[in-house]
Amino acid sequence: MTNVRNGGGLWQVLAGTRGGPNRARVLRALDERPRNANQPAEDPDLSYKTVTYHLDVFEENAVVRSTDTDYGTVYLPSERARSNWETVERIIQQVE
């Protein structure tokens, strides 16, 4: 797991790959309100498969957490991401 404490790892997860802009959109949607994987996929430019891929990357890097593992799982920013939200916002602004 990547250490996101003090913003470490957030840059790589959100901006270090081609998927950065899409990850930023997904994370911003989760910040607005917790959602399941279908809800961010309602964005016409994001497929369900893309959203679930990015959610998996986020979970692996402790950027989001899920409520459970059953159908209808809801995702929201993790406490670690919340404690570094100023950094998250800076990154999102740069990749958008």
N, C-alpha and C. Protein backbone atom coordinates (compact mmCIF):
# COMPACT_ATOMS: atom_id res chain seq x y z
N MET A 1 0.83 -1.17 0.00
CA MET A 1 0.00 0.00 0.00
C MET A 1 0.89 1.24 0.00
N THR A 2 0.53 2.22 -0.81
CA THR A 2 1.27 3.47 -0.88
C THR A 2 0.94 4.32 0.32
N ASN A 3 1.92 4.96 0.90
CA ASN A 3 1.69 5.83 2.04
C ASN A 3 1.19 7.18 1.56
N VAL A 4 -0.05 7.52 1.91
CA VAL A 4 -0.60 8.81 1.50
C VAL A 4 -0.52 9.83 2.61
N ARG A 5 0.09 9.48 3.72
CA ARG A 5 0.23 10.44 4.81
C ARG A 5 1.06 11.62 4.32
N ASN A 6 0.67 12.83 4.70
CA ASN A 6 1.34 14.06 4.28
C ASN A 6 1.37 14.20 2.76
N GLY A 7 0.40 13.65 2.07
CA GLY A 7 0.30 13.80 0.63
C GLY A 7 1.16 12.83 -0.15
N GLY A 8 2.03 12.07 0.52
CA GLY A 8 2.88 11.12 -0.19
C GLY A 8 2.04 10.10 -0.93
N GLY A 9 2.36 9.85 -2.16
CA GLY A 9 1.63 8.88 -2.96
C GLY A 9 0.42 9.45 -3.68
N LEU A 10 -0.16 10.52 -3.19
CA LEU A 10 -1.32 11.10 -3.85
C LEU A 10 -0.97 11.63 -5.23
N TRP A 11 0.18 12.25 -5.36
CA TRP A 11 0.60 12.78 -6.67
C TRP A 11 0.69 11.65 -7.67
N GLN A 12 1.30 10.54 -7.27
CA GLN A 12 1.45 9.41 -8.19
C GLN A 12 0.09 8.83 -8.58
N VAL A 13 -0.79 8.66 -7.61
CA VAL A 13 -2.10 8.06 -7.88
C VAL A 13 -2.96 8.97 -8.75
N LEU A 14 -2.96 10.27 -8.48
CA LEU A 14 -3.85 11.18 -9.19
C LEU A 14 -3.24 11.81 -10.45
N ALA A 15 -1.94 11.97 -10.48
CA ALA A 15 -1.35 12.69 -11.60
C ALA A 15 -0.24 11.93 -12.31
N GLY A 16 0.19 10.82 -11.77
CA GLY A 16 1.35 10.14 -12.30
C GLY A 16 1.09 9.21 -13.47
N THR A 17 -0.15 9.10 -13.91
CA THR A 17 -0.46 8.20 -15.02
C THR A 17 -1.45 8.88 -15.96
N ARG A 18 -1.67 8.24 -17.11
CA ARG A 18 -2.63 8.78 -18.07
C ARG A 18 -4.04 8.86 -17.49
N GLY A 19 -4.35 8.00 -16.53
CA GLY A 19 -5.68 7.97 -15.95
C GLY A 19 -5.95 9.08 -14.94
N GLY A 20 -4.96 9.91 -14.68
CA GLY A 20 -5.09 10.96 -13.67
C GLY A 20 -6.32 11.84 -13.81
N PRO A 21 -6.60 12.38 -14.99
CA PRO A 21 -7.79 13.23 -15.12
C PRO A 21 -9.09 12.49 -14.79
N ASN A 22 -9.20 11.23 -15.23
CA ASN A 22 -10.41 10.46 -14.90
C ASN A 22 -10.46 10.15 -13.41
N ARG A 23 -9.32 9.83 -12.81
CA ARG A 23 -9.31 9.58 -11.36
C ARG A 23 -9.73 10.83 -10.61
N ALA A 24 -9.27 11.98 -11.07
CA ALA A 24 -9.65 13.23 -10.43
C ALA A 24 -11.16 13.43 -10.50
N ARG A 25 -11.77 13.13 -11.64
CA ARG A 25 -13.22 13.27 -11.78
C ARG A 25 -13.97 12.33 -10.85
N VAL A 26 -13.49 11.09 -10.76
CA VAL A 26 -14.14 10.12 -9.88
C VAL A 26 -14.01 10.56 -8.43
N LEU A 27 -12.82 10.98 -8.03
CA LEU A 27 -12.62 11.39 -6.63
C LEU A 27 -13.43 12.63 -6.30
N ARG A 28 -13.52 13.56 -7.22
CA ARG A 28 -14.34 14.76 -6.98
C ARG A 28 -15.81 14.35 -6.81
N ALA A 29 -16.29 13.42 -7.61
CA ALA A 29 -17.68 12.95 -7.47
C ALA A 29 -17.89 12.31 -6.11
N LEU A 30 -16.90 11.53 -5.64
CA LEU A 30 -17.03 10.89 -4.32
C LEU A 30 -16.97 11.92 -3.20
N ASP A 31 -16.24 13.01 -3.44
CA ASP A 31 -16.18 14.07 -2.45
C ASP A 31 -17.53 14.78 -2.32
N GLU A 32 -18.22 14.93 -3.45
CA GLU A 32 -19.54 15.58 -3.42
C GLU A 32 -20.51 14.79 -2.56
N ARG A 33 -20.47 13.47 -2.71
CA ARG A 33 -21.26 12.57 -1.88
C ARG A 33 -20.80 11.15 -2.13
N PRO A 34 -20.85 10.30 -1.11
CA PRO A 34 -20.49 8.89 -1.31
C PRO A 34 -21.38 8.29 -2.40
N ARG A 35 -20.79 7.43 -3.22
CA ARG A 35 -21.51 6.86 -4.35
C ARG A 35 -21.10 5.41 -4.55
N ASN A 36 -21.94 4.69 -5.31
CA ASN A 36 -21.53 3.37 -5.75
C ASN A 36 -20.82 3.51 -7.10
N ALA A 37 -20.32 2.43 -7.63
CA ALA A 37 -19.55 2.50 -8.87
C ALA A 37 -20.38 2.93 -10.07
N ASN A 38 -21.68 2.70 -10.04
CA ASN A 38 -22.53 3.10 -11.17
C ASN A 38 -22.71 4.61 -11.26
N GLN A 39 -22.75 5.28 -10.14
CA GLN A 39 -23.06 6.71 -10.16
C GLN A 39 -22.00 7.55 -10.85
N PRO A 40 -20.70 7.41 -10.55
CA PRO A 40 -19.72 8.19 -11.32
C PRO A 40 -19.72 7.78 -12.79
N ALA A 41 -20.12 6.55 -13.09
CA ALA A 41 -20.15 6.09 -14.47
C ALA A 41 -21.26 6.75 -15.27
N GLU A 42 -22.16 7.46 -14.61
CA GLU A 42 -23.20 8.20 -15.32
C GLU A 42 -22.62 9.35 -16.11
N ASP A 43 -21.40 9.77 -15.78
CA ASP A 43 -20.69 10.77 -16.56
C ASP A 43 -20.51 10.19 -17.96
N PRO A 44 -20.92 10.90 -19.01
CA PRO A 44 -20.88 10.32 -20.35
C PRO A 44 -19.48 9.91 -20.83
N ASP A 45 -18.44 10.44 -20.22
CA ASP A 45 -17.08 10.12 -20.64
C ASP A 45 -16.45 9.00 -19.83
N LEU A 46 -17.16 8.47 -18.85
CA LEU A 46 -16.61 7.43 -17.99
C LEU A 46 -17.48 6.18 -18.04
N SER A 47 -16.91 5.08 -18.44
CA SER A 47 -17.66 3.82 -18.43
C SER A 47 -17.59 3.19 -17.04
N TYR A 48 -18.50 2.27 -16.80
CA TYR A 48 -18.51 1.55 -15.53
C TYR A 48 -17.17 0.85 -15.31
N LYS A 49 -16.65 0.22 -16.37
CA LYS A 49 -15.38 -0.50 -16.27
C LYS A 49 -14.24 0.46 -15.89
N THR A 50 -14.24 1.65 -16.47
CA THR A 50 -13.22 2.65 -16.13
C THR A 50 -13.34 3.07 -14.68
N VAL A 51 -14.55 3.33 -14.24
CA VAL A 51 -14.77 3.77 -12.86
C VAL A 51 -14.33 2.69 -11.88
N THR A 52 -14.72 1.44 -12.13
CA THR A 52 -14.34 0.37 -11.20
C THR A 52 -12.83 0.18 -11.17
N TYR A 53 -12.17 0.33 -12.31
CA TYR A 53 -10.70 0.24 -12.34
C TYR A 53 -10.10 1.31 -11.43
N HIS A 54 -10.55 2.55 -11.59
CA HIS A 54 -9.99 3.64 -10.78
C HIS A 54 -10.34 3.48 -9.30
N LEU A 55 -11.51 2.97 -8.99
CA LEU A 55 -11.86 2.72 -7.59
C LEU A 55 -10.94 1.66 -6.98
N ASP A 56 -10.61 0.64 -7.76
CA ASP A 56 -9.67 -0.38 -7.27
C ASP A 56 -8.30 0.23 -6.99
N VAL A 57 -7.83 1.08 -7.90
CA VAL A 57 -6.53 1.76 -7.69
C VAL A 57 -6.60 2.62 -6.43
N PHE A 58 -7.69 3.35 -6.27
CA PHE A 58 -7.85 4.18 -5.07
C PHE A 58 -7.82 3.35 -3.80
N GLU A 59 -8.54 2.23 -3.79
CA GLU A 59 -8.57 1.39 -2.59
C GLU A 59 -7.19 0.81 -2.29
N GLU A 60 -6.49 0.37 -3.32
CA GLU A 60 -5.14 -0.17 -3.13
C GLU A 60 -4.18 0.86 -2.54
N ASN A 61 -4.46 2.14 -2.78
CA ASN A 61 -3.59 3.22 -2.33
C ASN A 61 -4.19 4.04 -1.19
N ALA A 62 -5.21 3.50 -0.55
CA ALA A 62 -5.86 4.12 0.62
C ALA A 62 -6.35 5.53 0.36
N VAL A 63 -6.86 5.77 -0.85
CA VAL A 63 -7.42 7.07 -1.19
C VAL A 63 -8.93 7.07 -0.97
N VAL A 64 -9.57 5.92 -1.19
CA VAL A 64 -10.99 5.77 -0.88
C VAL A 64 -11.16 4.52 -0.03
N ARG A 65 -12.31 4.46 0.59
CA ARG A 65 -12.70 3.25 1.31
C ARG A 65 -14.11 2.90 0.90
N SER A 66 -14.46 1.64 1.06
CA SER A 66 -15.80 1.20 0.69
C SER A 66 -16.55 0.76 1.94
N THR A 67 -17.87 0.81 1.83
CA THR A 67 -18.70 0.48 2.98
C THR A 67 -18.78 -1.01 3.23
N ASP A 68 -18.69 -1.81 2.17
CA ASP A 68 -18.71 -3.26 2.30
C ASP A 68 -18.30 -3.85 0.96
N THR A 69 -18.40 -5.16 0.83
CA THR A 69 -17.98 -5.80 -0.42
C THR A 69 -19.14 -6.40 -1.19
N ASP A 70 -20.35 -6.14 -0.78
CA ASP A 70 -21.52 -6.67 -1.46
C ASP A 70 -21.96 -5.75 -2.59
N TYR A 71 -22.95 -6.24 -3.34
CA TYR A 71 -23.54 -5.41 -4.39
C TYR A 71 -24.02 -4.10 -3.79
N GLY A 72 -23.81 -3.03 -4.47
CA GLY A 72 -24.23 -1.73 -3.97
C GLY A 72 -23.21 -1.08 -3.06
N THR A 73 -22.00 -1.55 -3.09
CA THR A 73 -20.93 -0.98 -2.28
C THR A 73 -20.83 0.52 -2.54
N VAL A 74 -20.71 1.27 -1.47
CA VAL A 74 -20.58 2.72 -1.57
C VAL A 74 -19.14 3.11 -1.26
N TYR A 75 -18.61 4.02 -2.05
CA TYR A 75 -17.23 4.48 -1.90
C TYR A 75 -17.20 5.93 -1.44
N LEU A 76 -16.21 6.24 -0.63
CA LEU A 76 -16.02 7.60 -0.15
C LEU A 76 -14.54 7.83 0.12
N PRO A 77 -14.11 9.10 0.11
CA PRO A 77 -12.69 9.37 0.39
C PRO A 77 -12.31 8.82 1.76
N SER A 78 -11.10 8.27 1.84
CA SER A 78 -10.61 7.72 3.10
C SER A 78 -10.22 8.84 4.06
N GLU A 79 -10.03 8.47 5.32
CA GLU A 79 -9.58 9.45 6.31
C GLU A 79 -8.21 10.01 5.93
N ARG A 80 -7.35 9.16 5.39
CA ARG A 80 -6.03 9.64 4.96
C ARG A 80 -6.16 10.68 3.84
N ALA A 81 -7.04 10.42 2.87
CA ALA A 81 -7.24 11.39 1.80
C ALA A 81 -7.83 12.67 2.37
N ARG A 82 -8.80 12.53 3.27
CA ARG A 82 -9.42 13.72 3.88
C ARG A 82 -8.39 14.55 4.63
N SER A 83 -7.47 13.91 5.33
CA SER A 83 -6.49 14.66 6.11
C SER A 83 -5.48 15.37 5.21
N ASN A 84 -5.44 15.00 3.93
CA ASN A 84 -4.56 15.64 2.96
C ASN A 84 -5.36 16.31 1.84
N TRP A 85 -6.60 16.71 2.14
CA TRP A 85 -7.50 17.18 1.09
C TRP A 85 -6.98 18.43 0.38
N GLU A 86 -6.26 19.27 1.05
CA GLU A 86 -5.69 20.45 0.40
C GLU A 86 -4.76 20.01 -0.74
N THR A 87 -3.95 19.01 -0.50
CA THR A 87 -3.07 18.46 -1.54
C THR A 87 -3.89 17.83 -2.65
N VAL A 88 -4.93 17.08 -2.29
CA VAL A 88 -5.80 16.46 -3.29
C VAL A 88 -6.38 17.54 -4.20
N GLU A 89 -6.87 18.61 -3.64
CA GLU A 89 -7.46 19.70 -4.44
C GLU A 89 -6.43 20.31 -5.40
N ARG A 90 -5.22 20.52 -4.91
CA ARG A 90 -4.16 21.07 -5.78
C ARG A 90 -3.89 20.14 -6.94
N ILE A 91 -3.80 18.85 -6.67
CA ILE A 91 -3.54 17.87 -7.72
C ILE A 91 -4.67 17.85 -8.72
N ILE A 92 -5.90 17.80 -8.23
CA ILE A 92 -7.07 17.76 -9.11
C ILE A 92 -7.08 18.99 -10.02
N GLN A 93 -6.80 20.15 -9.48
CA GLN A 93 -6.77 21.37 -10.31
C GLN A 93 -5.71 21.27 -11.39
N GLN A 94 -4.59 20.66 -11.10
CA GLN A 94 -3.53 20.54 -12.10
C GLN A 94 -3.84 19.55 -13.19
N VAL A 95 -4.55 18.47 -12.87
CA VAL A 95 -4.81 17.45 -13.88
C VAL A 95 -6.08 17.70 -14.68
N GLU A 96 -6.94 18.57 -14.22
CA GLU A 96 -8.20 18.83 -14.96
C GLU A 96 -7.96 19.70 -16.16
